[in-house]
Amino acid sequence: AGHGELAAALAAAGYEVVAIDPHSEADGVRRVALHELDEAPFDAALAVLSLHHVEPLEQSLARLGALVRPGGVLAIDEFDVERFDERGARWWLDRRADPGDPAAVVAAHADLHPLRRLRAALEPWFELGEPVRGAYLYRWDMPAEVRGEEETLIAAGDLAATGARLVGIRRPSASGGA
């Protein structure tokens, strides 16, 4: 839930929201890890730029599967670390006027969970659609106008699309158990 802005917006729109983030200091955000969440089934779950950090991954995503009712929706907005390369790191560093080493930036993110591993851990629970690829790097402390530049470079094939959005529907009976 980070700072809780999305959770607050969803609550203001009339949704009943449970926002979690074990490291958040925001009001209204419960400081609990996903694998420790003990709630009634949810109609939907939303994970924005978070699952690539979650530990322990398989246990946490199995818990997520158990928390979403059969037929419920899972929406994910993620960073696909396996698509993050030195070209993307150089572009990001240049926009920040940072002379850093692109290889070091890529290496610093190598311990994050790749999208393929997230999908594998979620597939026993959810029927997942294909990821919709797009921009992501603009989110790393960049000015808003940089998003358009990143999207243009991705469309031209000059920059890898490191963002991925996917939607899943909770299976009626999951092979992971419920």
Protein backbone atom coordinates (compact mmCIF):
# COMPACT_ATOMS: atom_id res chain seq x y z
CA ALA A 1 0.00 0.00 0.00
CA GLY A 2 3.00 2.31 0.24
CA HIS A 3 1.77 5.73 1.34
CA GLY A 4 -1.85 4.63 1.01
CA GLU A 5 -2.95 6.99 -1.79
CA LEU A 6 -4.57 4.30 -3.95
CA ALA A 7 -6.26 2.68 -0.93
CA ALA A 8 -7.65 6.07 0.12
CA ALA A 9 -8.92 6.78 -3.40
CA LEU A 10 -10.63 3.37 -3.60
CA ALA A 11 -12.20 3.88 -0.16
CA ALA A 12 -13.41 7.34 -1.17
CA ALA A 13 -15.01 5.75 -4.25
CA GLY A 14 -17.02 3.49 -1.95
CA TYR A 15 -14.96 0.31 -1.91
CA GLU A 16 -14.24 -1.56 1.30
CA VAL A 17 -10.44 -1.64 1.38
CA VAL A 18 -7.85 -3.51 3.39
CA ALA A 19 -4.46 -1.98 2.62
CA ILE A 20 -1.33 -3.79 3.76
CA ASP A 21 2.36 -2.99 3.68
CA PRO A 22 4.73 -4.28 6.36
CA HIS A 23 6.96 -1.22 5.94
CA SER A 24 4.39 1.57 5.54
CA GLU A 25 3.98 4.35 8.07
CA ALA A 26 0.79 5.64 6.43
CA ASP A 27 -2.46 6.05 8.33
CA GLY A 28 -4.97 3.39 7.42
CA VAL A 29 -2.35 0.93 6.16
CA ARG A 30 -1.94 -2.24 8.19
CA ARG A 31 1.65 -3.19 8.87
CA VAL A 32 1.37 -6.87 8.07
CA ALA A 33 3.06 -9.13 5.53
CA LEU A 34 0.87 -10.76 2.89
CA HIS A 35 1.58 -14.30 4.09
CA GLU A 36 0.41 -13.27 7.59
CA LEU A 37 -2.86 -11.64 6.54
CA ASP A 38 -5.86 -13.30 8.17
CA GLU A 39 -9.10 -11.98 6.69
CA ALA A 40 -12.36 -13.18 5.18
CA PRO A 41 -12.35 -13.83 1.43
CA PHE A 42 -12.03 -10.78 -0.83
CA ASP A 43 -13.87 -10.13 -4.08
CA ALA A 44 -10.70 -8.68 -5.59
CA ALA A 45 -7.05 -8.01 -4.87
CA LEU A 46 -4.80 -5.37 -6.35
CA ALA A 47 -1.00 -5.52 -6.24
CA VAL A 48 0.81 -2.46 -7.55
CA LEU A 49 4.59 -2.60 -7.83
CA SER A 50 4.89 -4.83 -4.81
CA LEU A 51 5.00 -8.54 -5.58
CA HIS A 52 8.55 -8.40 -6.96
CA HIS A 53 9.64 -7.58 -3.38
CA VAL A 54 7.41 -10.00 -1.42
CA GLU A 55 9.06 -12.57 0.85
CA PRO A 56 8.52 -15.44 1.23
CA LEU A 57 7.15 -15.39 -2.31
CA GLU A 58 5.46 -18.76 -2.79
CA GLN A 59 3.91 -18.77 0.69
CA SER A 60 2.70 -15.19 0.24
CA LEU A 61 1.14 -15.80 -3.18
CA ALA A 62 -0.52 -19.00 -1.95
CA ARG A 63 -2.02 -16.91 0.85
CA LEU A 64 -3.17 -14.35 -1.72
CA GLY A 65 -4.86 -17.15 -3.66
CA ALA A 66 -6.62 -18.35 -0.53
CA LEU A 67 -7.80 -14.81 0.31
CA VAL A 68 -9.52 -14.12 -3.03
CA ARG A 69 -12.88 -15.87 -3.39
CA PRO A 70 -13.40 -18.21 -6.37
CA GLY A 71 -14.35 -16.06 -9.35
CA GLY A 72 -12.70 -13.03 -7.76
CA VAL A 73 -10.32 -10.75 -9.63
CA LEU A 74 -6.61 -10.20 -9.20
CA ALA A 75 -5.06 -7.15 -10.90
CA ILE A 76 -1.29 -6.75 -10.93
CA ASP A 77 0.87 -3.84 -12.05
CA GLU A 78 4.49 -4.98 -11.89
CA PHE A 79 8.13 -4.47 -12.77
CA ASP A 80 9.51 -7.26 -14.96
CA VAL A 81 13.09 -7.26 -13.75
CA GLU A 82 14.21 -9.73 -16.44
CA ARG A 83 13.50 -7.09 -19.09
CA PHE A 84 15.52 -4.44 -17.28
CA ASP A 85 18.82 -4.15 -19.12
CA GLU A 86 21.77 -1.77 -19.34
CA ARG A 87 20.07 0.21 -22.11
CA GLY A 88 17.13 0.92 -19.79
CA ALA A 89 19.44 1.67 -16.88
CA ARG A 90 21.46 4.11 -19.01
CA TRP A 91 18.28 5.88 -20.14
CA TRP A 92 17.11 6.14 -16.53
CA LEU A 93 20.49 7.40 -15.31
CA ASP A 94 20.69 9.97 -18.13
CA ARG A 95 17.25 11.39 -17.23
CA ARG A 96 18.48 11.85 -13.69
CA ALA A 97 21.80 13.41 -14.83
CA ASP A 98 23.49 10.58 -12.94
CA PRO A 99 26.83 9.34 -14.33
CA GLY A 100 26.36 5.97 -12.60
CA ASP A 101 27.18 2.58 -14.08
CA PRO A 102 24.21 0.97 -15.89
CA ALA A 103 25.53 -2.54 -15.21
CA ALA A 104 25.63 -1.78 -11.49
CA VAL A 105 22.05 -0.48 -11.56
CA VAL A 106 20.86 -3.66 -13.30
CA ALA A 107 22.83 -5.83 -10.87
CA ALA A 108 21.33 -4.00 -7.90
CA HIS A 109 17.89 -5.22 -8.99
CA ALA A 110 18.84 -8.81 -9.80
CA ASP A 111 17.46 -10.15 -6.52
CA LEU A 112 13.88 -9.06 -7.30
CA HIS A 113 11.33 -11.68 -8.32
CA PRO A 114 10.86 -11.83 -12.10
CA LEU A 115 7.40 -11.80 -13.60
CA ARG A 116 7.71 -15.43 -14.75
CA ARG A 117 8.23 -16.53 -11.13
CA LEU A 118 5.23 -14.47 -9.96
CA ARG A 119 3.10 -16.07 -12.69
CA ALA A 120 4.26 -19.58 -11.76
CA ALA A 121 3.36 -19.04 -8.10
CA LEU A 122 -0.05 -17.57 -8.98
CA GLU A 123 -1.11 -20.06 -11.68
CA PRO A 124 -2.36 -22.76 -9.29
CA TRP A 125 -4.82 -20.20 -7.95
CA PHE A 126 -5.64 -17.87 -10.85
CA GLU A 127 -6.43 -18.11 -14.55
CA LEU A 128 -4.03 -15.38 -15.71
CA GLY A 129 -4.24 -13.38 -18.89
CA GLU A 130 -1.23 -12.41 -20.95
CA PRO A 131 0.73 -9.46 -19.56
CA VAL A 132 0.20 -6.08 -21.14
CA ARG A 133 3.68 -4.63 -21.49
CA GLY A 134 4.48 -0.98 -21.00
CA ALA A 135 6.55 1.71 -19.38
CA TYR A 136 7.79 1.40 -15.81
CA LEU A 137 11.09 3.24 -15.38
CA TYR A 138 9.41 6.67 -15.30
CA ARG A 139 8.06 5.72 -11.85
CA TRP A 140 11.52 5.78 -10.26
CA ASP A 141 11.63 9.35 -8.98
CA MET A 142 11.27 10.90 -12.42
CA PRO A 143 9.30 13.93 -13.63
CA ALA A 144 5.86 13.08 -15.06
CA GLU A 145 6.78 14.14 -18.62
CA VAL A 146 9.36 11.35 -18.86
CA ARG A 147 6.61 8.72 -19.16
CA GLY A 148 5.77 9.78 -22.73
CA GLU A 149 9.40 9.60 -23.76
CA GLU A 150 9.73 6.11 -22.31
CA GLU A 151 6.55 4.97 -24.06
CA THR A 152 7.77 6.38 -27.40
CA LEU A 153 11.11 4.58 -27.07
CA ILE A 154 9.36 1.31 -26.22
CA ALA A 155 7.06 1.64 -29.24
CA ALA A 156 10.09 2.25 -31.49
CA GLY A 157 11.88 -0.82 -30.09
CA ASP A 158 14.65 1.31 -28.60
CA LEU A 159 13.85 0.48 -24.98
CA ALA A 160 12.49 -2.69 -23.38
CA ALA A 161 9.04 -2.51 -21.79
CA THR A 162 9.80 -3.32 -18.16
CA GLY A 163 6.27 -2.74 -16.91
CA ALA A 164 3.67 -5.49 -17.00
CA ARG A 165 0.01 -5.50 -16.10
CA LEU A 166 -2.01 -8.65 -15.84
CA VAL A 167 -5.38 -9.73 -14.62
CA GLY A 168 -6.39 -13.08 -13.22
CA ILE A 169 -9.63 -14.74 -12.17
CA ARG A 170 -9.55 -16.96 -9.10
CA ARG A 171 -10.06 -20.57 -10.12
CA PRO A 172 -13.15 -22.33 -8.68
CA SER A 173 -10.95 -24.94 -7.08
CA ALA A 174 -7.29 -24.18 -6.89
CA SER A 175 -4.66 -26.89 -7.08
CA GLY A 176 -2.79 -25.00 -4.35
CA GLY A 177 -5.59 -25.62 -1.86
CA ALA A 178 -7.90 -23.09 -0.25
